[in-house]
Amino acid sequence: MRTIKIYGEMLMLRYGDRRDGEAFEFLDHLCTGASRMEALVRDLLEYTQVTRIQAPAEPIDSNEALASALDNLVGAITESGAVVTADPLPKVRMHNTHLRQLFQNLIGNAIKYRSPEREPAVHVDGRREGACVFSVRDNGIGIGPEYRELIFGLFKRLHTSDEYSGTGIGLAICRRIVEQYHGRIWVESERGSGSTFFFEISD
């Protein structure tokens, strides 16, 4: 997929003055399709590799995992003007890579599905109630009640790729991670009123 994408881009750059409108359109579709397939393969690999990492013997610092996720999202945060805040988070017996993936996917989605009427605001919280319960709250476009369970399925998308980029695997990865720790993940949301994603991890 990467090879197809690269050579398609080279054709567009080198022979731009020799192609007609239809040729440009075909090349554009080729490059766009290759990019989407490359992202799909990458996300599928991430999905299948989730269960290969085992939980650590000792609890980890959730605040460090969140900081790492925010470092990876700095481009999206800067571009969108998002404000991401967090309360002090509890320690949890979970692999740092998995917790970072959860925060990164949920915060990344909160930024992606932002409302056009306001700058995105995301708040991360965590508390211990026997199990550790984390939440990621946003002020985005929200989700209708009929889709609250559907969105965690593999390849399930509520919008076209022209509206919002993505492969429809991110939340499926989140569910797969959480279930590996015998936990659960769910969302509370209304259309136009933002969403709060919760995940519970049992020690």
N, C-alpha and C. Protein backbone atom coordinates (compact mmCIF):
# COMPACT_ATOMS: atom_id res chain seq x y z
N MET A 1 0.83 -1.21 0.00
CA MET A 1 0.00 0.00 0.00
C MET A 1 0.87 1.27 0.00
N ARG A 2 1.94 1.20 0.78
CA ARG A 2 2.83 2.37 0.83
C ARG A 2 3.49 2.60 -0.53
N THR A 3 3.87 1.52 -1.21
CA THR A 3 4.50 1.65 -2.53
C THR A 3 3.54 2.26 -3.54
N ILE A 4 2.29 1.78 -3.54
CA ILE A 4 1.27 2.34 -4.45
C ILE A 4 1.08 3.82 -4.18
N LYS A 5 1.00 4.16 -2.91
CA LYS A 5 0.79 5.56 -2.54
C LYS A 5 1.95 6.44 -3.00
N ILE A 6 3.18 5.98 -2.77
CA ILE A 6 4.36 6.77 -3.13
C ILE A 6 4.44 6.99 -4.64
N TYR A 7 4.26 5.91 -5.42
CA TYR A 7 4.37 6.06 -6.87
C TYR A 7 3.20 6.87 -7.44
N GLY A 8 2.04 6.77 -6.83
CA GLY A 8 0.93 7.62 -7.26
C GLY A 8 1.23 9.08 -7.02
N GLU A 9 1.82 9.39 -5.86
CA GLU A 9 2.18 10.78 -5.57
C GLU A 9 3.29 11.27 -6.51
N MET A 10 4.22 10.38 -6.84
CA MET A 10 5.29 10.78 -7.77
C MET A 10 4.73 11.11 -9.15
N LEU A 11 3.75 10.33 -9.62
CA LEU A 11 3.12 10.61 -10.91
C LEU A 11 2.43 11.97 -10.89
N MET A 12 1.76 12.27 -9.78
CA MET A 12 1.05 13.54 -9.68
C MET A 12 2.02 14.72 -9.68
N LEU A 13 3.17 14.53 -9.05
CA LEU A 13 4.15 15.62 -8.97
C LEU A 13 4.92 15.81 -10.28
N ARG A 14 5.34 14.70 -10.90
CA ARG A 14 6.22 14.79 -12.06
C ARG A 14 5.49 15.08 -13.36
N TYR A 15 4.25 14.62 -13.46
CA TYR A 15 3.55 14.76 -14.73
C TYR A 15 2.27 15.59 -14.60
N GLY A 16 2.29 16.47 -13.64
CA GLY A 16 1.11 17.29 -13.40
C GLY A 16 0.70 18.14 -14.57
N ASP A 17 1.66 18.61 -15.35
CA ASP A 17 1.34 19.50 -16.47
C ASP A 17 0.94 18.72 -17.73
N ARG A 18 0.97 17.38 -17.66
CA ARG A 18 0.66 16.58 -18.85
C ARG A 18 -0.66 15.82 -18.73
N ARG A 19 -1.31 15.89 -17.61
CA ARG A 19 -2.50 15.08 -17.41
C ARG A 19 -3.76 15.93 -17.55
N ASP A 20 -4.84 15.30 -17.99
CA ASP A 20 -6.11 16.00 -18.06
C ASP A 20 -6.86 15.86 -16.73
N GLY A 21 -8.02 16.47 -16.64
CA GLY A 21 -8.78 16.45 -15.39
C GLY A 21 -9.15 15.06 -14.93
N GLU A 22 -9.50 14.18 -15.88
CA GLU A 22 -9.90 12.83 -15.52
C GLU A 22 -8.72 12.03 -14.97
N ALA A 23 -7.54 12.19 -15.58
CA ALA A 23 -6.35 11.48 -15.10
C ALA A 23 -5.99 11.93 -13.69
N PHE A 24 -6.10 13.22 -13.44
CA PHE A 24 -5.83 13.73 -12.10
C PHE A 24 -6.80 13.13 -11.09
N GLU A 25 -8.05 13.02 -11.47
CA GLU A 25 -9.07 12.46 -10.57
C GLU A 25 -8.77 11.00 -10.26
N PHE A 26 -8.36 10.23 -11.29
CA PHE A 26 -8.05 8.82 -11.08
C PHE A 26 -6.85 8.66 -10.13
N LEU A 27 -5.81 9.46 -10.35
CA LEU A 27 -4.64 9.38 -9.50
C LEU A 27 -4.96 9.79 -8.07
N ASP A 28 -5.80 10.79 -7.94
CA ASP A 28 -6.19 11.23 -6.60
C ASP A 28 -6.93 10.12 -5.87
N HIS A 29 -7.84 9.41 -6.57
CA HIS A 29 -8.54 8.29 -5.96
C HIS A 29 -7.56 7.17 -5.58
N LEU A 30 -6.58 6.93 -6.43
CA LEU A 30 -5.59 5.89 -6.15
C LEU A 30 -4.81 6.21 -4.88
N CYS A 31 -4.32 7.44 -4.76
CA CYS A 31 -3.53 7.84 -3.60
C CYS A 31 -4.37 7.84 -2.33
N THR A 32 -5.60 8.33 -2.43
CA THR A 32 -6.49 8.36 -1.27
C THR A 32 -6.83 6.94 -0.81
N GLY A 33 -7.13 6.06 -1.76
CA GLY A 33 -7.45 4.68 -1.41
C GLY A 33 -6.27 3.96 -0.78
N ALA A 34 -5.08 4.19 -1.32
CA ALA A 34 -3.88 3.56 -0.76
C ALA A 34 -3.62 4.04 0.67
N SER A 35 -3.84 5.33 0.92
CA SER A 35 -3.65 5.87 2.27
C SER A 35 -4.63 5.24 3.25
N ARG A 36 -5.87 5.08 2.81
CA ARG A 36 -6.87 4.47 3.70
C ARG A 36 -6.55 3.01 3.98
N MET A 37 -6.09 2.28 2.95
CA MET A 37 -5.76 0.88 3.15
C MET A 37 -4.53 0.73 4.05
N GLU A 38 -3.57 1.63 3.90
CA GLU A 38 -2.38 1.60 4.75
C GLU A 38 -2.78 1.81 6.21
N ALA A 39 -3.68 2.76 6.46
CA ALA A 39 -4.16 3.01 7.82
C ALA A 39 -4.94 1.81 8.35
N LEU A 40 -5.72 1.18 7.47
CA LEU A 40 -6.51 0.02 7.87
C LEU A 40 -5.61 -1.14 8.29
N VAL A 41 -4.58 -1.42 7.50
CA VAL A 41 -3.65 -2.51 7.82
C VAL A 41 -2.94 -2.21 9.14
N ARG A 42 -2.52 -0.96 9.33
CA ARG A 42 -1.84 -0.58 10.58
C ARG A 42 -2.76 -0.78 11.78
N ASP A 43 -4.02 -0.36 11.66
CA ASP A 43 -4.95 -0.49 12.77
C ASP A 43 -5.31 -1.95 13.04
N LEU A 44 -5.42 -2.76 11.98
CA LEU A 44 -5.70 -4.18 12.17
C LEU A 44 -4.56 -4.88 12.90
N LEU A 45 -3.32 -4.52 12.56
CA LEU A 45 -2.17 -5.09 13.25
C LEU A 45 -2.20 -4.71 14.73
N GLU A 46 -2.54 -3.46 15.00
CA GLU A 46 -2.63 -3.01 16.39
C GLU A 46 -3.72 -3.78 17.12
N TYR A 47 -4.84 -4.01 16.45
CA TYR A 47 -5.96 -4.74 17.05
C TYR A 47 -5.56 -6.17 17.40
N THR A 48 -4.85 -6.85 16.49
CA THR A 48 -4.50 -8.24 16.73
C THR A 48 -3.39 -8.40 17.75
N GLN A 49 -2.58 -7.37 17.96
CA GLN A 49 -1.44 -7.47 18.87
C GLN A 49 -1.77 -7.09 20.31
N VAL A 50 -2.99 -6.62 20.54
CA VAL A 50 -3.37 -6.16 21.88
C VAL A 50 -3.15 -7.24 22.93
N THR A 51 -3.57 -8.47 22.64
CA THR A 51 -3.54 -9.53 23.65
C THR A 51 -2.14 -10.11 23.87
N ARG A 52 -1.16 -9.66 23.15
CA ARG A 52 0.20 -10.19 23.31
C ARG A 52 0.94 -9.56 24.49
N ILE A 53 0.41 -8.47 25.02
CA ILE A 53 1.05 -7.78 26.13
C ILE A 53 0.30 -8.11 27.41
N GLN A 54 1.01 -8.62 28.41
CA GLN A 54 0.38 -9.02 29.66
C GLN A 54 0.45 -7.91 30.70
N ALA A 55 -0.43 -7.98 31.67
CA ALA A 55 -0.48 -6.98 32.74
C ALA A 55 0.79 -7.08 33.60
N PRO A 56 1.31 -5.95 34.09
CA PRO A 56 2.49 -5.98 34.96
C PRO A 56 2.13 -6.48 36.35
N ALA A 57 3.13 -6.88 37.11
CA ALA A 57 2.89 -7.38 38.46
C ALA A 57 2.50 -6.27 39.42
N GLU A 58 3.02 -5.06 39.18
CA GLU A 58 2.75 -3.93 40.05
C GLU A 58 1.93 -2.86 39.32
N PRO A 59 1.14 -2.09 40.06
CA PRO A 59 0.38 -1.00 39.44
C PRO A 59 1.29 0.04 38.80
N ILE A 60 0.79 0.70 37.76
CA ILE A 60 1.56 1.75 37.07
C ILE A 60 0.93 3.11 37.35
N ASP A 61 1.69 4.15 37.05
CA ASP A 61 1.21 5.51 37.21
C ASP A 61 0.38 5.90 35.99
N SER A 62 -0.92 6.05 36.18
CA SER A 62 -1.81 6.41 35.07
C SER A 62 -1.51 7.79 34.51
N ASN A 63 -1.00 8.67 35.35
CA ASN A 63 -0.69 10.03 34.90
C ASN A 63 0.42 10.03 33.85
N GLU A 64 1.37 9.10 33.98
CA GLU A 64 2.45 9.01 33.00
C GLU A 64 1.91 8.50 31.66
N ALA A 65 0.99 7.53 31.71
CA ALA A 65 0.39 7.02 30.47
C ALA A 65 -0.40 8.12 29.77
N LEU A 66 -1.11 8.93 30.54
CA LEU A 66 -1.86 10.05 29.95
C LEU A 66 -0.92 11.06 29.33
N ALA A 67 0.18 11.38 30.00
CA ALA A 67 1.14 12.34 29.47
C ALA A 67 1.73 11.85 28.15
N SER A 68 2.00 10.56 28.07
CA SER A 68 2.53 9.98 26.83
C SER A 68 1.50 10.06 25.71
N ALA A 69 0.24 9.80 26.02
CA ALA A 69 -0.81 9.90 25.01
C ALA A 69 -0.94 11.33 24.50
N LEU A 70 -0.87 12.30 25.39
CA LEU A 70 -1.00 13.71 24.99
C LEU A 70 0.20 14.14 24.14
N ASP A 71 1.38 13.60 24.44
CA ASP A 71 2.55 13.90 23.59
C ASP A 71 2.31 13.42 22.17
N ASN A 72 1.70 12.25 22.02
CA ASN A 72 1.43 11.70 20.69
C ASN A 72 0.32 12.47 19.96
N LEU A 73 -0.51 13.16 20.71
CA LEU A 73 -1.63 13.90 20.13
C LEU A 73 -1.37 15.39 19.99
N VAL A 74 -0.13 15.82 20.22
CA VAL A 74 0.16 17.25 20.27
C VAL A 74 -0.22 17.95 18.97
N GLY A 75 -0.05 17.29 17.83
CA GLY A 75 -0.41 17.90 16.55
C GLY A 75 -1.89 18.17 16.46
N ALA A 76 -2.71 17.18 16.80
CA ALA A 76 -4.17 17.33 16.75
C ALA A 76 -4.65 18.36 17.76
N ILE A 77 -4.04 18.37 18.94
CA ILE A 77 -4.42 19.33 19.97
C ILE A 77 -4.12 20.75 19.53
N THR A 78 -2.94 20.95 18.96
CA THR A 78 -2.54 22.28 18.51
C THR A 78 -3.41 22.75 17.35
N GLU A 79 -3.63 21.87 16.38
CA GLU A 79 -4.40 22.24 15.18
C GLU A 79 -5.84 22.60 15.53
N SER A 80 -6.43 21.90 16.49
CA SER A 80 -7.84 22.09 16.82
C SER A 80 -8.06 23.16 17.89
N GLY A 81 -6.99 23.53 18.59
CA GLY A 81 -7.15 24.46 19.71
C GLY A 81 -7.79 23.80 20.92
N ALA A 82 -7.71 22.49 20.99
CA ALA A 82 -8.34 21.76 22.09
C ALA A 82 -7.70 22.07 23.43
N VAL A 83 -8.53 22.06 24.46
CA VAL A 83 -8.05 22.19 25.83
C VAL A 83 -8.30 20.85 26.52
N VAL A 84 -7.22 20.19 26.95
CA VAL A 84 -7.33 18.89 27.61
C VAL A 84 -6.89 19.06 29.07
N THR A 85 -7.77 18.74 29.99
CA THR A 85 -7.48 18.83 31.41
C THR A 85 -7.64 17.46 32.06
N ALA A 86 -7.10 17.32 33.26
CA ALA A 86 -7.19 16.04 33.94
C ALA A 86 -7.06 16.23 35.44
N ASP A 87 -7.77 15.41 36.19
CA ASP A 87 -7.58 15.31 37.62
C ASP A 87 -6.49 14.27 37.88
N PRO A 88 -5.89 14.29 39.08
CA PRO A 88 -4.92 13.23 39.40
C PRO A 88 -5.55 11.86 39.26
N LEU A 89 -4.83 10.96 38.62
CA LEU A 89 -5.38 9.64 38.30
C LEU A 89 -4.79 8.58 39.22
N PRO A 90 -5.56 7.55 39.54
CA PRO A 90 -5.06 6.48 40.43
C PRO A 90 -4.12 5.53 39.70
N LYS A 91 -3.33 4.82 40.46
CA LYS A 91 -2.51 3.75 39.89
C LYS A 91 -3.41 2.58 39.53
N VAL A 92 -2.99 1.83 38.51
CA VAL A 92 -3.79 0.70 38.05
C VAL A 92 -2.85 -0.40 37.57
N ARG A 93 -3.22 -1.65 37.80
CA ARG A 93 -2.41 -2.77 37.35
C ARG A 93 -2.74 -3.06 35.89
N MET A 94 -1.99 -2.43 35.02
CA MET A 94 -2.27 -2.48 33.59
C MET A 94 -0.99 -2.13 32.86
N HIS A 95 -0.77 -2.67 31.69
CA HIS A 95 0.42 -2.33 30.94
C HIS A 95 0.34 -0.89 30.45
N ASN A 96 1.45 -0.16 30.58
CA ASN A 96 1.47 1.25 30.20
C ASN A 96 1.05 1.46 28.75
N THR A 97 1.47 0.57 27.86
CA THR A 97 1.13 0.69 26.44
C THR A 97 -0.38 0.63 26.22
N HIS A 98 -1.04 -0.27 26.94
CA HIS A 98 -2.49 -0.40 26.81
C HIS A 98 -3.21 0.84 27.32
N LEU A 99 -2.80 1.34 28.47
CA LEU A 99 -3.48 2.51 29.03
C LEU A 99 -3.24 3.73 28.14
N ARG A 100 -2.04 3.85 27.60
CA ARG A 100 -1.76 4.96 26.68
C ARG A 100 -2.65 4.85 25.45
N GLN A 101 -2.80 3.64 24.91
CA GLN A 101 -3.66 3.45 23.74
C GLN A 101 -5.10 3.87 24.04
N LEU A 102 -5.59 3.50 25.21
CA LEU A 102 -6.95 3.88 25.58
C LEU A 102 -7.11 5.40 25.63
N PHE A 103 -6.23 6.06 26.35
CA PHE A 103 -6.31 7.52 26.44
C PHE A 103 -6.15 8.16 25.06
N GLN A 104 -5.20 7.66 24.29
CA GLN A 104 -4.93 8.27 22.98
C GLN A 104 -6.12 8.11 22.04
N ASN A 105 -6.73 6.94 22.00
CA ASN A 105 -7.88 6.73 21.12
C ASN A 105 -9.08 7.56 21.56
N LEU A 106 -9.35 7.59 22.86
CA LEU A 106 -10.54 8.29 23.34
C LEU A 106 -10.39 9.80 23.25
N ILE A 107 -9.21 10.31 23.60
CA ILE A 107 -8.99 11.76 23.48
C ILE A 107 -8.91 12.17 22.02
N GLY A 108 -8.25 11.34 21.21
CA GLY A 108 -8.18 11.62 19.77
C GLY A 108 -9.55 11.69 19.14
N ASN A 109 -10.45 10.77 19.52
CA ASN A 109 -11.82 10.80 19.01
C ASN A 109 -12.56 12.04 19.49
N ALA A 110 -12.34 12.41 20.74
CA ALA A 110 -13.00 13.60 21.28
C ALA A 110 -12.62 14.84 20.49
N ILE A 111 -11.37 14.90 20.06
CA ILE A 111 -10.91 16.05 19.26
C ILE A 111 -11.45 15.95 17.84
N LYS A 112 -11.42 14.75 17.27
CA LYS A 112 -11.87 14.57 15.89
C LYS A 112 -13.35 14.91 15.73
N TYR A 113 -14.18 14.39 16.65
CA TYR A 113 -15.62 14.58 16.54
C TYR A 113 -16.08 15.80 17.34
N ARG A 114 -15.38 16.87 17.13
CA ARG A 114 -15.69 18.12 17.85
C ARG A 114 -16.85 18.85 17.19
N SER A 115 -17.47 19.70 17.96
CA SER A 115 -18.57 20.51 17.45
C SER A 115 -18.01 21.67 16.65
N PRO A 116 -18.61 22.01 15.51
CA PRO A 116 -18.14 23.17 14.73
C PRO A 116 -18.45 24.49 15.41
N GLU A 117 -19.24 24.44 16.46
CA GLU A 117 -19.68 25.67 17.13
C GLU A 117 -18.78 26.09 18.28
N ARG A 118 -17.84 25.24 18.70
CA ARG A 118 -17.00 25.57 19.85
C ARG A 118 -15.68 24.80 19.79
N GLU A 119 -14.68 25.36 20.46
CA GLU A 119 -13.39 24.68 20.53
C GLU A 119 -13.52 23.44 21.42
N PRO A 120 -12.83 22.37 21.06
CA PRO A 120 -12.97 21.14 21.84
C PRO A 120 -12.38 21.27 23.25
N ALA A 121 -13.10 20.74 24.21
CA ALA A 121 -12.63 20.67 25.60
C ALA A 121 -12.78 19.23 26.06
N VAL A 122 -11.71 18.67 26.60
CA VAL A 122 -11.70 17.27 27.02
C VAL A 122 -11.21 17.21 28.45
N HIS A 123 -11.88 16.42 29.27
CA HIS A 123 -11.46 16.26 30.67
C HIS A 123 -11.32 14.78 30.99
N VAL A 124 -10.20 14.42 31.61
CA VAL A 124 -9.92 13.03 31.98
C VAL A 124 -9.96 12.91 33.49
N ASP A 125 -10.64 11.89 33.96
CA ASP A 125 -10.77 11.68 35.40
C ASP A 125 -10.59 10.20 35.70
N GLY A 126 -10.29 9.88 36.93
CA GLY A 126 -10.16 8.49 37.34
C GLY A 126 -10.35 8.37 38.84
N ARG A 127 -10.98 7.30 39.26
CA ARG A 127 -11.21 7.09 40.68
C ARG A 127 -11.20 5.59 40.96
N ARG A 128 -10.92 5.27 42.19
CA ARG A 128 -10.91 3.86 42.58
C ARG A 128 -12.16 3.55 43.38
N GLU A 129 -12.94 2.62 42.87
CA GLU A 129 -14.16 2.17 43.54
C GLU A 129 -14.14 0.65 43.60
N GLY A 130 -13.12 0.12 44.29
CA GLY A 130 -12.83 -1.30 44.19
C GLY A 130 -12.03 -1.51 42.92
N ALA A 131 -12.69 -1.37 41.77
CA ALA A 131 -11.99 -1.32 40.48
C ALA A 131 -11.62 0.14 40.19
N CYS A 132 -10.77 0.35 39.19
CA CYS A 132 -10.43 1.70 38.74
C CYS A 132 -11.37 2.08 37.60
N VAL A 133 -12.02 3.21 37.75
CA VAL A 133 -12.94 3.70 36.72
C VAL A 133 -12.40 5.01 36.18
N PHE A 134 -12.11 5.04 34.89
CA PHE A 134 -11.60 6.23 34.22
C PHE A 134 -12.69 6.80 33.32
N SER A 135 -12.64 8.10 33.10
CA SER A 135 -13.60 8.73 32.19
C SER A 135 -12.91 9.76 31.32
N VAL A 136 -13.40 9.90 30.11
CA VAL A 136 -12.93 10.92 29.16
C VAL A 136 -14.18 11.66 28.67
N ARG A 137 -14.32 12.90 29.09
CA ARG A 137 -15.52 13.69 28.77
C ARG A 137 -15.19 14.77 27.76
N ASP A 138 -16.06 14.96 26.77
CA ASP A 138 -15.84 15.99 25.76
C ASP A 138 -17.10 16.81 25.54
N ASN A 139 -16.96 17.87 24.75
CA ASN A 139 -18.10 18.73 24.41
C ASN A 139 -18.38 18.69 22.92
N GLY A 140 -18.20 17.50 22.33
CA GLY A 140 -18.31 17.33 20.88
C GLY A 140 -19.73 17.13 20.39
N ILE A 141 -19.84 16.45 19.25
CA ILE A 141 -21.12 16.34 18.55
C ILE A 141 -22.06 15.33 19.21
N GLY A 142 -21.53 14.47 20.07
CA GLY A 142 -22.38 13.52 20.76
C GLY A 142 -22.77 12.33 19.91
N ILE A 143 -23.43 11.36 20.55
CA ILE A 143 -23.81 10.09 19.92
C ILE A 143 -25.25 9.78 20.29
N GLY A 144 -26.04 9.40 19.33
CA GLY A 144 -27.41 9.01 19.60
C GLY A 144 -27.48 7.73 20.41
N PRO A 145 -28.51 7.54 21.23
CA PRO A 145 -28.62 6.36 22.11
C PRO A 145 -28.61 5.04 21.35
N GLU A 146 -29.11 5.04 20.12
CA GLU A 146 -29.17 3.79 19.36
C GLU A 146 -27.79 3.32 18.89
N TYR A 147 -26.77 4.18 19.01
CA TYR A 147 -25.43 3.83 18.53
C TYR A 147 -24.43 3.58 19.65
N ARG A 148 -24.86 3.68 20.90
CA ARG A 148 -23.91 3.63 22.02
C ARG A 148 -23.18 2.31 22.13
N GLU A 149 -23.82 1.22 21.73
CA GLU A 149 -23.16 -0.08 21.76
C GLU A 149 -22.52 -0.40 20.41
N LEU A 150 -23.14 0.02 19.35
CA LEU A 150 -22.67 -0.27 17.99
C LEU A 150 -21.25 0.25 17.75
N ILE A 151 -20.93 1.42 18.30
CA ILE A 151 -19.66 2.07 17.98
C ILE A 151 -18.44 1.28 18.43
N PHE A 152 -18.61 0.31 19.34
CA PHE A 152 -17.46 -0.47 19.80
C PHE A 152 -17.19 -1.68 18.92
N GLY A 153 -17.98 -1.89 17.88
CA GLY A 153 -17.77 -3.01 16.98
C GLY A 153 -16.67 -2.72 15.97
N LEU A 154 -16.10 -3.77 15.45
CA LEU A 154 -15.03 -3.64 14.45
C LEU A 154 -15.58 -3.06 13.15
N PHE A 155 -14.92 -2.05 12.63
CA PHE A 155 -15.29 -1.37 11.38
C PHE A 155 -16.61 -0.61 11.46
N LYS A 156 -17.09 -0.33 12.66
CA LYS A 156 -18.36 0.39 12.80
C LYS A 156 -18.09 1.89 12.81
N ARG A 157 -18.68 2.59 11.84
CA ARG A 157 -18.52 4.04 11.73
C ARG A 157 -19.90 4.68 11.58
N LEU A 158 -20.07 5.85 12.20
CA LEU A 158 -21.32 6.57 12.10
C LEU A 158 -21.26 7.67 11.04
N HIS A 159 -20.06 7.88 10.48
CA HIS A 159 -19.87 8.94 9.50
C HIS A 159 -19.02 8.41 8.36
N THR A 160 -19.11 9.03 7.20
CA THR A 160 -18.29 8.64 6.06
C THR A 160 -16.86 9.13 6.27
N SER A 161 -15.93 8.54 5.52
CA SER A 161 -14.53 8.94 5.61
C SER A 161 -14.32 10.35 5.08
N ASP A 162 -15.24 10.82 4.23
CA ASP A 162 -15.13 12.20 3.75
C ASP A 162 -15.47 13.20 4.85
N GLU A 163 -16.35 12.80 5.78
CA GLU A 163 -16.71 13.67 6.89
C GLU A 163 -15.65 13.64 7.98
N TYR A 164 -15.25 12.43 8.38
CA TYR A 164 -14.25 12.24 9.44
C TYR A 164 -13.34 11.10 9.04
N SER A 165 -12.03 11.30 9.16
CA SER A 165 -11.08 10.25 8.80
C SER A 165 -11.13 9.13 9.84
N GLY A 166 -10.55 7.99 9.48
CA GLY A 166 -10.49 6.87 10.41
C GLY A 166 -10.91 5.58 9.74
N THR A 167 -10.65 4.47 10.45
CA THR A 167 -10.93 3.14 9.90
C THR A 167 -12.05 2.42 10.63
N GLY A 168 -12.54 2.97 11.74
CA GLY A 168 -13.58 2.30 12.50
C GLY A 168 -13.06 1.19 13.39
N ILE A 169 -11.77 1.25 13.73
CA ILE A 169 -11.17 0.20 14.56
C ILE A 169 -10.79 0.72 15.95
N GLY A 170 -10.64 2.03 16.11
CA GLY A 170 -10.13 2.60 17.35
C GLY A 170 -10.90 2.17 18.59
N LEU A 171 -12.22 2.28 18.57
CA LEU A 171 -13.01 1.91 19.74
C LEU A 171 -13.06 0.39 19.93
N ALA A 172 -12.95 -0.36 18.83
CA ALA A 172 -12.87 -1.81 18.95
C ALA A 172 -11.58 -2.21 19.66
N ILE A 173 -10.49 -1.50 19.38
CA ILE A 173 -9.22 -1.73 20.08
C ILE A 173 -9.40 -1.43 21.56
N CYS A 174 -10.08 -0.32 21.87
CA CYS A 174 -10.32 0.03 23.27
C CYS A 174 -11.06 -1.08 23.99
N ARG A 175 -12.13 -1.59 23.36
CA ARG A 175 -12.90 -2.66 24.00
C ARG A 175 -12.03 -3.91 24.18
N ARG A 176 -11.24 -4.25 23.18
CA ARG A 176 -10.40 -5.45 23.26
C ARG A 176 -9.39 -5.32 24.39
N ILE A 177 -8.82 -4.14 24.56
CA ILE A 177 -7.87 -3.92 25.66
C ILE A 177 -8.56 -4.09 27.00
N VAL A 178 -9.68 -3.40 27.18
CA VAL A 178 -10.38 -3.42 28.46
C VAL A 178 -10.84 -4.83 28.81
N GLU A 179 -11.34 -5.57 27.85
CA GLU A 179 -11.82 -6.92 28.12
C GLU A 179 -10.68 -7.87 28.47
N GLN A 180 -9.47 -7.56 28.00
CA GLN A 180 -8.32 -8.38 28.38
C GLN A 180 -8.09 -8.30 29.89
N TYR A 181 -8.46 -7.19 30.49
CA TYR A 181 -8.30 -7.00 31.93
C TYR A 181 -9.62 -7.28 32.67
N HIS A 182 -10.51 -7.98 32.02
CA HIS A 182 -11.80 -8.36 32.60
C HIS A 182 -12.60 -7.13 33.04
N GLY A 183 -12.45 -6.06 32.27
CA GLY A 183 -13.17 -4.83 32.56
C GLY A 183 -14.26 -4.58 31.54
N ARG A 184 -14.76 -3.37 31.52
CA ARG A 184 -15.80 -3.01 30.56
C ARG A 184 -15.64 -1.56 30.15
N ILE A 185 -16.20 -1.20 29.01
CA ILE A 185 -16.14 0.16 28.49
C ILE A 185 -17.53 0.54 27.99
N TRP A 186 -17.92 1.77 28.23
CA TRP A 186 -19.24 2.22 27.80
C TRP A 186 -19.23 3.74 27.61
N VAL A 187 -20.31 4.25 27.04
CA VAL A 187 -20.40 5.68 26.78
C VAL A 187 -21.75 6.21 27.23
N GLU A 188 -21.74 7.42 27.75
CA GLU A 188 -22.96 8.17 28.05
C GLU A 188 -22.94 9.41 27.18
N SER A 189 -23.99 9.61 26.39
CA SER A 189 -23.95 10.69 25.42
C SER A 189 -25.34 11.01 24.89
N GLU A 190 -25.47 12.23 24.39
CA GLU A 190 -26.65 12.67 23.66
C GLU A 190 -26.17 13.47 22.45
N ARG A 191 -26.90 13.42 21.37
CA ARG A 191 -26.53 14.19 20.19
C ARG A 191 -26.44 15.68 20.53
N GLY A 192 -25.34 16.28 20.13
CA GLY A 192 -25.15 17.71 20.32
C GLY A 192 -24.71 18.11 21.71
N SER A 193 -24.59 17.15 22.62
CA SER A 193 -24.28 17.48 24.02
C SER A 193 -22.99 16.85 24.52
N GLY A 194 -22.14 16.39 23.62
CA GLY A 194 -20.88 15.79 24.04
C GLY A 194 -21.05 14.35 24.48
N SER A 195 -19.93 13.74 24.83
CA SER A 195 -19.91 12.33 25.24
C SER A 195 -18.96 12.15 26.41
N THR A 196 -19.25 11.16 27.23
CA THR A 196 -18.32 10.72 28.26
C THR A 196 -18.11 9.23 28.12
N PHE A 197 -16.87 8.84 27.82
CA PHE A 197 -16.50 7.43 27.73
C PHE A 197 -15.91 6.99 29.07
N PHE A 198 -16.40 5.85 29.55
CA PHE A 198 -15.91 5.26 30.80
C PHE A 198 -15.26 3.93 30.49
N PHE A 199 -14.19 3.62 31.21
CA PHE A 199 -13.70 2.24 31.19
C PHE A 199 -13.27 1.86 32.60
N GLU A 200 -13.58 0.63 32.93
CA GLU A 200 -13.35 0.10 34.27
C GLU A 200 -12.35 -1.04 34.18
N ILE A 201 -11.31 -0.97 35.02
CA ILE A 201 -10.27 -1.98 35.05
C ILE A 201 -10.23 -2.60 36.44
N SER A 202 -10.38 -3.91 36.50
CA SER A 202 -10.37 -4.62 37.78
C SER A 202 -8.94 -5.06 38.11
N ASP A 203 -8.53 -4.78 39.32
CA ASP A 203 -7.24 -5.26 39.80
C ASP A 203 -7.35 -6.70 40.28
